[in-house]
Protein backbone atom coordinates (compact mmCIF):
# COMPACT_ATOMS: atom_id res chain seq x y z
CA MET A 1 7.27 12.84 -9.00
CA ASN A 2 9.54 13.04 -6.01
CA LYS A 3 11.15 9.75 -4.91
CA GLN A 4 10.23 10.50 -1.32
CA ASN A 5 6.54 10.29 -2.22
CA LEU A 6 6.84 6.70 -3.46
CA GLY A 7 6.15 5.25 -0.01
CA ILE A 8 3.06 7.40 0.47
CA ILE A 9 1.78 6.42 -2.98
CA LEU A 10 2.20 2.72 -2.16
CA ILE A 11 0.35 3.13 1.14
CA VAL A 12 -2.54 4.92 -0.58
CA LEU A 13 -2.62 2.28 -3.34
CA GLY A 14 -2.85 -0.53 -0.78
CA ALA A 15 -5.59 1.28 1.11
CA LEU A 16 -7.55 1.81 -2.11
CA MET A 17 -7.23 -1.89 -2.88
CA LEU A 18 -8.72 -2.72 0.53
CA ILE A 19 -11.55 -0.22 0.06
CA LEU A 20 -12.33 -1.60 -3.39
CA SER A 21 -12.28 -5.16 -2.11
CA TYR A 22 -14.89 -4.23 0.46
CA ALA A 23 -16.98 -2.29 -2.07
CA PHE A 24 -17.05 -5.16 -4.57
CA SER A 25 -17.38 -7.96 -1.99
CA LEU A 26 -13.90 -9.35 -2.59
CA GLU A 27 -13.02 -9.69 1.08
CA ASP A 28 -13.29 -13.48 0.82
CA TYR A 29 -10.33 -13.60 -1.58
CA ASN A 30 -7.32 -13.79 0.69
CA PHE A 31 -4.73 -13.27 -2.05
CA TYR A 32 -6.22 -9.86 -2.83
CA ASN A 33 -6.18 -8.73 0.80
CA ILE A 34 -2.71 -10.15 1.45
CA GLY A 35 -1.44 -8.36 -1.65
CA ALA A 36 -2.88 -5.08 -0.41
CA LEU A 37 -1.31 -5.65 3.01
CA LEU A 38 2.09 -6.35 1.47
CA ILE A 39 1.85 -3.18 -0.63
CA ILE A 40 1.04 -1.14 2.49
CA ILE A 41 3.96 -2.66 4.41
CA ALA A 42 6.31 -2.05 1.46
CA GLY A 43 5.09 1.55 1.35
CA ILE A 44 5.77 2.08 5.03
CA VAL A 45 9.26 0.59 4.77
CA THR A 46 10.01 2.59 1.61
CA HIS A 47 8.85 5.81 3.24
CA ILE A 48 11.02 5.22 6.30
CA ILE A 49 14.09 4.42 4.19
CA MET A 50 13.62 7.42 1.88
CA THR A 51 13.04 9.76 4.83
CA LYS A 52 16.21 8.63 6.62
CA ARG A 53 18.30 9.08 3.46
CA SER A 54 17.24 12.67 2.89
C-alpha cells in the first residue's frame, strides 16, 4: 500500500460509515456520524499533506 493512498482510504472509510449508518437506521446516533465526519476530514487533510510532500 502506498502512503499517498492513506488519505483516500480514510475518505472512503468515512463515506462507507455514513452509508451504513443510513442503511441500518443509525442516523440518530450523533457519535457515529461525528466519527465518520472526523475520519473524512482527517482523510482530506492527510491526502493534502501527502500530496504536497511528494
